[in-house]
C-alpha atoms as a PDB file:
ATOM      1  CA  MET A   1       1.568 -77.384 113.131  1.00  0.00           C
ATOM      2  CA  THR A   2      -0.567 -75.420 110.269  1.00  0.00           C
ATOM      3  CA  LYS A   3       0.207 -71.914 110.269  1.00  0.00           C
ATOM      4  CA  ILE A   4      -1.497 -69.108 108.066  1.00  0.00           C
ATOM      5  CA  SER A   5       0.385 -66.658 106.269  1.00  0.00           C
ATOM      6  CA  LYS A   6      -0.498 -63.135 105.549  1.00  0.00           C
ATOM      7  CA  ASP A   7      -1.469 -63.899 101.990  1.00  0.00           C
ATOM      8  CA  GLN A   8      -3.279 -67.131 102.666  1.00  0.00           C
ATOM      9  CA  LYS A   9      -5.457 -65.314 105.393  1.00  0.00           C
ATOM     10  CA  SER A  10      -6.169 -62.509 102.802  1.00  0.00           C
ATOM     11  CA  ALA A  11      -7.328 -65.404 100.452  1.00  0.00           C
ATOM     12  CA  ILE A  12      -9.388 -67.117 103.121  1.00  0.00           C
ATOM     13  CA  LEU A  13     -11.173 -64.022 103.966  1.00  0.00           C
ATOM     14  CA  LYS A  14     -12.187 -63.237 100.680  1.00  0.00           C
ATOM     15  CA  TYR A  15     -13.435 -66.503 100.179  1.00  0.00           C
ATOM     16  CA  LEU A  16     -15.432 -66.389 103.278  1.00  0.00           C
ATOM     17  CA  THR A  17     -16.815 -62.715 102.611  1.00  0.00           C
ATOM     18  CA  ASP A  18     -17.688 -63.339  99.193  1.00  0.00           C
ATOM     19  CA  THR A  19     -19.431 -67.195  99.609  1.00  0.00           C
ATOM     20  CA  SER A  20     -22.828 -67.123 100.748  1.00  0.00           C
ATOM     21  CA  ASN A  21     -22.595 -70.037 104.022  1.00  0.00           C
ATOM     22  CA  PRO A  22     -19.432 -71.265 103.311  1.00  0.00           C
ATOM     23  CA  GLU A  23     -18.719 -74.814 104.019  1.00  0.00           C
ATOM     24  CA  LEU A  24     -15.382 -75.569 106.302  1.00  0.00           C
ATOM     25  CA  ILE A  25     -14.314 -78.125 103.902  1.00  0.00           C
ATOM     26  CA  ASN A  26     -14.485 -75.649 100.903  1.00  0.00           C
ATOM     27  CA  THR A  27     -12.598 -73.015 102.668  1.00  0.00           C
ATOM     28  CA  TYR A  28      -9.993 -75.706 104.037  1.00  0.00           C
ATOM     29  CA  LEU A  29      -9.845 -76.061  99.970  1.00  0.00           C
ATOM     30  CA  ARG A  30      -9.451 -72.612  99.410  1.00  0.00           C
ATOM     31  CA  PHE A  31      -6.207 -72.665 101.929  1.00  0.00           C
ATOM     32  CA  ILE A  32      -4.556 -75.427 100.278  1.00  0.00           C
ATOM     33  CA  GLU A  33      -4.893 -74.262  97.009  1.00  0.00           C
ATOM     34  CA  LYS A  34      -3.371 -70.966  98.018  1.00  0.00           C
ATOM     35  CA  LYS A  35      -0.584 -72.505 100.279  1.00  0.00           C
ATOM     36  CA  LEU A  36       0.329 -75.054  97.611  1.00  0.00           C
ATOM     37  CA  ASN A  37      -0.069 -73.132  94.492  1.00  0.00           C
ATOM     38  CA  ILE A  38      -2.415 -75.765  92.987  1.00  0.00           C
ATOM     39  CA  GLN A  39      -4.188 -74.241  89.828  1.00  0.00           C
ATOM     40  CA  PRO A  40      -6.364 -77.140  88.573  1.00  0.00           C
ATOM     41  CA  VAL A  41      -6.980 -77.355  84.798  1.00  0.00           C
ATOM     42  CA  LEU A  42     -10.145 -79.288  82.778  1.00  0.00           C
ATOM     43  CA  PHE A  43      -9.311 -81.148  79.798  1.00  0.00           C
ATOM     44  CA  PRO A  44     -12.974 -81.339  77.973  1.00  0.00           C
ATOM     45  CA  ARG A  45     -12.045 -83.435  75.084  1.00  0.00           C
ATOM     46  CA  ASP A  46     -10.787 -86.410  78.034  1.00  0.00           C
ATOM     47  CA  LYS A  47     -13.038 -85.095  80.467  1.00  0.00           C
ATOM     48  CA  THR A  48     -10.068 -85.177  82.739  1.00  0.00           C
ATOM     49  CA  ILE A  49      -9.247 -82.706  85.358  1.00  0.00           C
ATOM     50  CA  TYR A  50      -5.271 -82.408  86.050  1.00  0.00           C
ATOM     51  CA  GLY A  51      -3.305 -80.468  89.053  1.00  0.00           C
ATOM     52  CA  GLY A  52      -2.048 -78.100  86.688  1.00  0.00           C
ATOM     53  CA  MET A  53      -1.272 -77.030  83.169  1.00  0.00           C
ATOM     54  CA  ASP A  54       2.352 -78.471  82.871  1.00  0.00           C
ATOM     55  CA  LYS A  55       1.161 -81.835  84.046  1.00  0.00           C
ATOM     56  CA  LEU A  56      -1.742 -81.894  81.356  1.00  0.00           C
ATOM     57  CA  ILE A  57       0.988 -81.237  78.809  1.00  0.00           C
ATOM     58  CA  GLU A  58       3.830 -83.267  80.345  1.00  0.00           C
ATOM     59  CA  ASP A  59       0.587 -86.202  80.175  1.00  0.00           C
ATOM     60  CA  LEU A  60       0.038 -85.540  76.415  1.00  0.00           C
ATOM     61  CA  GLU A  61       3.684 -85.234  75.097  1.00  0.00           C
ATOM     62  CA  GLU A  62       4.242 -88.710  77.192  1.00  0.00           C
ATOM     63  CA  LYS A  63       1.256 -89.827  74.796  1.00  0.00           C
ATOM     64  CA  GLY A  64       2.154 -88.167  71.732  1.00  0.00           C
ATOM     65  CA  SER A  65      -1.450 -86.676  71.726  1.00  0.00           C
ATOM     66  CA  LEU A  66       0.006 -83.325  72.041  1.00  0.00           C
ATOM     67  CA  CYS A  67       1.972 -82.174  68.556  1.00  0.00           C
ATOM     68  CA  LYS A  68       4.257 -84.097  65.988  1.00  0.00           C
ATOM     69  CA  GLU A  69       7.479 -83.002  63.723  1.00  0.00           C
ATOM     70  CA  THR A  70       6.321 -82.426  60.384  1.00  0.00           C
ATOM     71  CA  GLU A  71       8.359 -81.286  57.253  1.00  0.00           C
ATOM     72  CA  ILE A  72       6.693 -79.165  54.818  1.00  0.00           C
ATOM     73  CA  LYS A  73       8.208 -77.714  51.462  1.00  0.00           C
ATOM     74  CA  ILE A  74       8.159 -73.747  51.159  1.00  0.00           C
ATOM     75  CA  ARG A  75       7.814 -72.537  47.318  1.00  0.00           C
ATOM     76  CA  PHE A  76       8.434 -69.001  47.143  1.00  0.00           C
ATOM     77  CA  SER A  77       6.207 -66.943  45.564  1.00  0.00           C
ATOM     78  CA  ARG A  78       5.256 -63.281  46.656  1.00  0.00           C
ATOM     79  CA  GLU A  79       1.611 -63.528  45.030  1.00  0.00           C
ATOM     80  CA  ASP A  80       0.900 -66.235  47.159  1.00  0.00           C
ATOM     81  CA  VAL A  81       1.358 -64.665  50.548  1.00  0.00           C
ATOM     82  CA  ASN A  82       2.029 -61.060  51.391  1.00  0.00           C
ATOM     83  CA  GLU A  83       2.339 -59.051  54.791  1.00  0.00           C
ATOM     84  CA  ASN A  84      -1.622 -59.128  55.128  1.00  0.00           C
ATOM     85  CA  THR A  85      -1.932 -63.005  54.745  1.00  0.00           C
ATOM     86  CA  LYS A  86      -3.647 -64.069  58.164  1.00  0.00           C
ATOM     87  CA  LYS A  87      -4.330 -67.968  57.391  1.00  0.00           C
ATOM     88  CA  ILE A  88      -2.453 -70.404  54.679  1.00  0.00           C
ATOM     89  CA  TYR A  89      -3.205 -73.585  53.260  1.00  0.00           C
ATOM     90  CA  ILE A  90      -0.274 -75.693  51.847  1.00  0.00           C
ATOM     91  CA  CYS A  91       0.197 -78.407  49.684  1.00  0.00           C
ATOM     92  CA  PRO A  92       2.727 -80.698  51.296  1.00  0.00           C
ATOM     93  CA  PHE A  93       3.713 -82.515  48.213  1.00  0.00           C
ATOM     94  CA  THR A  94       4.977 -79.210  46.537  1.00  0.00           C
ATOM     95  CA  GLY A  95       5.220 -76.572  48.907  1.00  0.00           C
ATOM     96  CA  LYS A  96       2.577 -74.678  47.197  1.00  0.00           C
ATOM     97  CA  VAL A  97       0.638 -72.443  49.244  1.00  0.00           C
ATOM     98  CA  PHE A  98      -2.439 -70.266  48.952  1.00  0.00           C
ATOM     99  CA  GLY A  99      -3.528 -67.390  51.352  1.00  0.00           C
ATOM    100  CA  ASP A 100      -6.820 -66.172  52.607  1.00  0.00           C
ATOM    101  CA  ASN A 101      -5.972 -62.816  50.979  1.00  0.00           C
ATOM    102  CA  THR A 102      -4.543 -63.412  47.709  1.00  0.00           C
ATOM    103  CA  HIS A 103      -7.260 -65.800  46.656  1.00  0.00           C
ATOM    104  CA  PRO A 104     -10.872 -65.735  46.313  1.00  0.00           C
ATOM    105  CA  ASN A 105     -11.641 -69.071  47.774  1.00  0.00           C
ATOM    106  CA  PRO A 106      -8.258 -70.992  49.148  1.00  0.00           C
ATOM    107  CA  ILE A 107      -9.855 -73.862  50.584  1.00  0.00           C
ATOM    108  CA  ASP A 108     -11.848 -74.942  47.047  1.00  0.00           C
ATOM    109  CA  ALA A 109      -8.100 -73.669  45.446  1.00  0.00           C
ATOM    110  CA  ILE A 110      -5.948 -76.483  47.820  1.00  0.00           C
ATOM    111  CA  TYR A 111      -8.237 -79.290  47.322  1.00  0.00           C
ATOM    112  CA  ASP A 112      -8.487 -78.585  43.564  1.00  0.00           C
ATOM    113  CA  TRP A 113      -4.299 -78.341  43.726  1.00  0.00           C
ATOM    114  CA  VAL A 114      -3.377 -81.404  45.987  1.00  0.00           C
ATOM    115  CA  SER A 115      -6.219 -83.531  43.790  1.00  0.00           C
ATOM    116  CA  LYS A 116      -4.043 -82.994  40.441  1.00  0.00           C
ATOM    117  CA  CYS A 117      -0.766 -82.338  41.751  1.00  0.00           C
ATOM    118  CA  PRO A 118       1.710 -84.589  40.279  1.00  0.00           C
ATOM    119  CA  GLU A 119       3.875 -85.147  43.285  1.00  0.00           C
ATOM    120  CA  ASN A 120       0.922 -86.452  45.025  1.00  0.00           C
ATOM    121  CA  LYS A 121       1.419 -90.352  45.148  1.00  0.00           C
ATOM    122  CA  GLU A 122      -0.603 -90.975  47.911  1.00  0.00           C
ATOM    123  CA  ARG A 123      -4.174 -92.195  46.965  1.00  0.00           C
ATOM    124  CA  VAL A 124      -7.365 -93.108  48.847  1.00  0.00           C
ATOM    125  CA  GLY A 125      -9.639 -95.692  46.747  1.00  0.00           C
ATOM    126  CA  GLY A 126      -7.598 -94.989  43.713  1.00  0.00           C
ATOM    127  CA  LEU A 127      -7.868 -91.304  43.759  1.00  0.00           C
ATOM    128  CA  ARG A 128      -5.252 -88.689  44.792  1.00  0.00           C
ATOM    129  CA  ALA A 129      -5.615 -87.927  48.868  1.00  0.00           C
ATOM    130  CA  LYS A 130      -6.754 -84.309  49.071  1.00  0.00           C
ATOM    131  CA  ARG A 131      -4.671 -83.690  52.232  1.00  0.00           C
ATOM    132  CA  PHE A 132      -3.124 -80.598  53.058  1.00  0.00           C
ATOM    133  CA  TYR A 133      -1.688 -78.303  55.957  1.00  0.00           C
ATOM    134  CA  VAL A 134      -3.241 -75.024  57.384  1.00  0.00           C
ATOM    135  CA  SER A 135      -1.410 -72.627  59.750  1.00  0.00           C
ATOM    136  CA  GLU A 136      -2.452 -69.031  61.312  1.00  0.00           C
ATOM    137  CA  ASP A 137       1.160 -69.093  62.927  1.00  0.00           C
ATOM    138  CA  PRO A 138       2.572 -65.791  61.697  1.00  0.00           C
ATOM    139  CA  GLU A 139       5.884 -67.237  61.721  1.00  0.00           C
ATOM    140  CA  VAL A 140       5.114 -69.796  59.339  1.00  0.00           C
ATOM    141  CA  ILE A 141       3.199 -67.362  57.310  1.00  0.00           C
ATOM    142  CA  GLN A 142       6.329 -65.229  57.392  1.00  0.00           C
ATOM    143  CA  ASP A 143       8.188 -67.735  55.848  1.00  0.00           C
ATOM    144  CA  TYR A 144       6.148 -67.830  52.845  1.00  0.00           C
ATOM    145  CA  ALA A 145       6.118 -64.414  52.604  1.00  0.00           C
ATOM    146  CA  GLU A 146       9.651 -63.518  52.458  1.00  0.00           C
ATOM    147  CA  LYS A 147      10.692 -61.256  49.592  1.00  0.00           C
ATOM    148  CA  THR A 148      12.266 -63.480  47.765  1.00  0.00           C
ATOM    149  CA  LYS A 149      12.435 -64.494  43.553  1.00  0.00           C
ATOM    150  CA  PRO A 150       9.576 -66.903  42.746  1.00  0.00           C
ATOM    151  CA  SER A 151      12.444 -68.777  40.650  1.00  0.00           C
ATOM    152  CA  LYS A 152      14.293 -69.424  44.012  1.00  0.00           C
ATOM    153  CA  ALA A 153      14.115 -73.463  44.211  1.00  0.00           C
ATOM    154  CA  PRO A 154      11.337 -74.727  47.241  1.00  0.00           C
ATOM    155  CA  ILE A 155      12.780 -75.579  50.730  1.00  0.00           C
ATOM    156  CA  SER A 156      12.008 -77.757  53.296  1.00  0.00           C
ATOM    157  CA  LYS A 157      11.641 -76.975  56.808  1.00  0.00           C
ATOM    158  CA  THR A 158      10.655 -78.850  60.126  1.00  0.00           C
ATOM    159  CA  VAL A 159       7.345 -77.513  61.819  1.00  0.00           C
ATOM    160  CA  TYR A 160       4.856 -78.810  64.199  1.00  0.00           C
ATOM    161  CA  THR A 161       1.521 -79.982  63.745  1.00  0.00           C
ATOM    162  CA  SER A 162      -1.195 -79.765  66.428  1.00  0.00           C
ATOM    163  CA  ALA A 163      -2.851 -83.249  67.414  1.00  0.00           C
ATOM    164  CA  LEU A 164      -6.221 -81.305  68.076  1.00  0.00           C
ATOM    165  CA  ASN A 165      -6.850 -79.490  64.676  1.00  0.00           C
ATOM    166  CA  GLY A 166      -4.066 -80.576  62.452  1.00  0.00           C
ATOM    167  CA  LYS A 167      -3.002 -76.796  62.205  1.00  0.00           C
ATOM    168  CA  LEU A 168       0.484 -75.926  61.678  1.00  0.00           C
ATOM    169  CA  PHE A 169       3.223 -74.327  63.898  1.00  0.00           C
ATOM    170  CA  ASN A 170       6.491 -72.698  63.563  1.00  0.00           C
ATOM    171  CA  SER A 171       7.603 -73.885  66.815  1.00  0.00           C
ATOM    172  CA  LYS A 172       6.143 -76.675  69.749  1.00  0.00           C
ATOM    173  CA  GLN A 173       5.842 -74.013  71.834  1.00  0.00           C
ATOM    174  CA  GLY A 174       3.233 -72.415  69.493  1.00  0.00           C
ATOM    175  CA  VAL A 175       0.868 -75.599  69.555  1.00  0.00           C
ATOM    176  CA  ILE A 176       1.596 -75.519  73.417  1.00  0.00           C
ATOM    177  CA  ASP A 177       0.213 -71.677  73.566  1.00  0.00           C
ATOM    178  CA  ASP A 178      -2.778 -72.673  71.318  1.00  0.00           C
ATOM    179  CA  PHE A 179      -3.302 -75.613  72.997  1.00  0.00           C
ATOM    180  CA  LYS A 180      -3.940 -73.267  76.367  1.00  0.00           C
ATOM    181  CA  ARG A 181      -6.142 -70.806  74.587  1.00  0.00           C
ATOM    182  CA  HIS A 182      -8.313 -72.965  73.118  1.00  0.00           C
ATOM    183  CA  TYR A 183      -8.854 -76.242  74.810  1.00  0.00           C
ATOM    184  CA  VAL A 184      -8.213 -75.807  78.471  1.00  0.00           C
ATOM    185  CA  LYS A 185     -10.421 -74.584  81.205  1.00  0.00           C
ATOM    186  CA  LYS A 186      -9.059 -73.453  84.519  1.00  0.00           C
ATOM    187  CA  MET A 187     -10.933 -74.446  87.656  1.00  0.00           C
ATOM    188  CA  SER A 188     -10.747 -74.155  91.375  1.00  0.00           C
ATOM    189  CA  LEU A 189     -10.234 -76.804  93.795  1.00  0.00           C
ATOM    190  CA  VAL A 190     -13.566 -75.843  95.217  1.00  0.00           C
ATOM    191  CA  GLU A 191     -15.094 -76.647  91.810  1.00  0.00           C
ATOM    192  CA  VAL A 192     -13.353 -79.844  91.270  1.00  0.00           C
ATOM    193  CA  GLN A 193     -14.325 -81.166  94.834  1.00  0.00           C
ATOM    194  CA  ASN A 194     -17.993 -80.078  93.958  1.00  0.00           C
ATOM    195  CA  GLN A 195     -18.164 -81.544  90.541  1.00  0.00           C
ATOM    196  CA  ASN A 196     -19.184 -85.033  89.191  1.00  0.00           C
ATOM    197  CA  ARG A 197     -19.043 -85.114  85.376  1.00  0.00           C
ATOM    198  CA  PHE A 198     -15.380 -85.458  84.769  1.00  0.00           C
ATOM    199  CA  GLN A 199     -12.834 -87.561  86.018  1.00  0.00           C
ATOM    200  CA  ILE A 200      -9.970 -86.448  88.219  1.00  0.00           C
ATOM    201  CA  GLU A 201      -6.027 -86.912  87.080  1.00  0.00           C
ATOM    202  CA  ASP A 202      -4.969 -90.242  88.923  1.00  0.00           C
ATOM    203  CA  LYS A 203      -2.077 -88.667  90.541  1.00  0.00           C
ATOM    204  CA  PHE A 204      -3.570 -85.477  91.540  1.00  0.00           C
ATOM    205  CA  LEU A 205      -6.866 -87.301  92.919  1.00  0.00           C
ATOM    206  CA  ALA A 206      -4.457 -89.078  95.263  1.00  0.00           C
ATOM    207  CA  SER A 207      -2.573 -85.801  96.345  1.00  0.00           C
ATOM    208  CA  LEU A 208      -6.028 -84.191  97.217  1.00  0.00           C
ATOM    209  CA  GLN A 209      -7.467 -87.271  99.360  1.00  0.00           C
ATOM    210  CA  GLU A 210      -4.075 -86.733 101.157  1.00  0.00           C
ATOM    211  CA  GLN A 211      -4.573 -83.414 101.949  1.00  0.00           C
ATOM    212  CA  LEU A 212      -8.220 -84.049 102.648  1.00  0.00           C
ATOM    213  CA  ALA A 213      -6.962 -86.183 105.821  1.00  0.00           C
ATOM    214  CA  GLU A 214      -8.807 -85.394 109.398  1.00  0.00           C
ATOM    215  CA  ASP A 215      -5.971 -84.354 111.195  1.00  0.00           C
ATOM    216  CA  LYS A 216      -5.162 -81.784 108.667  1.00  0.00           C
ATOM    217  CA  ILE A 217      -8.138 -80.080 108.915  1.00  0.00           C
ATOM    218  CA  THR A 218      -8.410 -80.270 112.246  1.00  0.00           C
ATOM    219  CA  ALA A 219      -5.110 -78.612 112.437  1.00  0.00           C
ATOM    220  CA  PHE A 220      -6.513 -75.982 109.956  1.00  0.00           C
ATOM    221  CA  VAL A 221      -9.301 -75.042 111.931  1.00  0.00           C
ATOM    222  CA  GLU A 222      -6.716 -74.702 115.151  1.00  0.00           C
ATOM    223  CA  ALA A 223      -4.540 -72.316 113.137  1.00  0.00           C
ATOM    224  CA  LEU A 224      -7.738 -70.453 112.080  1.00  0.00           C
ATOM    225  CA  ALA A 225      -8.865 -70.017 115.813  1.00  0.00           C
ATOM    226  CA  GLU A 226      -5.886 -67.924 116.452  1.00  0.00           C
ATOM    227  CA  HIS A 227      -7.174 -65.461 114.290  1.00  0.00           C
ATOM    228  CA  GLU A 228     -10.384 -63.502 115.855  1.00  0.00           C
ATOM    229  CA  GLU A 229     -11.893 -62.555 112.294  1.00  0.00           C
ATOM    230  CA  PHE A 230     -12.580 -66.273 111.598  1.00  0.00           C
ATOM    231  CA  VAL A 231     -14.146 -67.430 114.823  1.00  0.00           C
ATOM    232  CA  PRO A 232     -17.782 -66.650 114.159  1.00  0.00           C
ATOM    233  CA  TYR A 233     -17.299 -68.982 110.929  1.00  0.00           C
ATOM    234  CA  ILE A 234     -15.856 -71.807 113.202  1.00  0.00           C
ATOM    235  CA  GLU A 235     -18.306 -71.456 116.088  1.00  0.00           C
ATOM    236  CA  LYS A 236     -21.077 -71.737 113.321  1.00  0.00           C
ATOM    237  CA  TRP A 237     -19.364 -74.821 111.547  1.00  0.00           C
ATOM    238  CA  LEU A 238     -19.325 -76.439 115.104  1.00  0.00           C
ATOM    239  CA  GLU A 239     -22.894 -75.729 115.697  1.00  0.00           C
ATOM    240  CA  GLU A 240     -23.436 -77.325 112.106  1.00  0.00           C
ATOM    241  CA  ASP A 241     -21.869 -80.685 113.438  1.00  0.00           C
ATOM    242  CA  GLU A 242     -23.189 -80.812 116.853  1.00  0.00           C
ATOM    243  CA  GLU A 243     -26.913 -80.941 114.759  1.00  0.00           C
END
């Protein structure tokens, strides 16, 4: 038997009072969203809606589409990076770095550097590949800003490259945090139900279809009927079904 908790009741009442002509299905969706703590997210790049952020990230990691480990060289020079640097451009072959505040045009500088770098053995059309890394992760930048003499030999370090924007991060969690901020949109179950632009991830779709079974919706209405605040809405829905 379906029971409605105090928190679920408050959520349903808020939805009903905030919505013009609320429909039964949408009200039920708000209920199960609260009851099952469903937090759908849209991944616009793949035009797919997932049942939650964790499921999306898990899916991307399984496909190798979130990030990958990358080894970089860190060449120490306080002239290249300092405590005010917010973005760096890194040569993957030598560790040479250009900061956004220590060079007047760091993008041109890194292109010029890798195109002439003697350690760059990669070729595209017979020319040196103009490949480099970009990072805005404070932890990665800090590694280059350490107060170390420029004469110290470069060191290697494992970092993570975002599969979506190619930027470097000190940890996998840094990639995930950036992904959550810039590449995902939160949705409600009502928005998921009332859209047709995006596909719904298979397991999430199956779960929704199971929850939308007629007997579960009927049990929900019966549970609502035990609270007098909901009776006018139930009567209206019954009238609409008879029309």
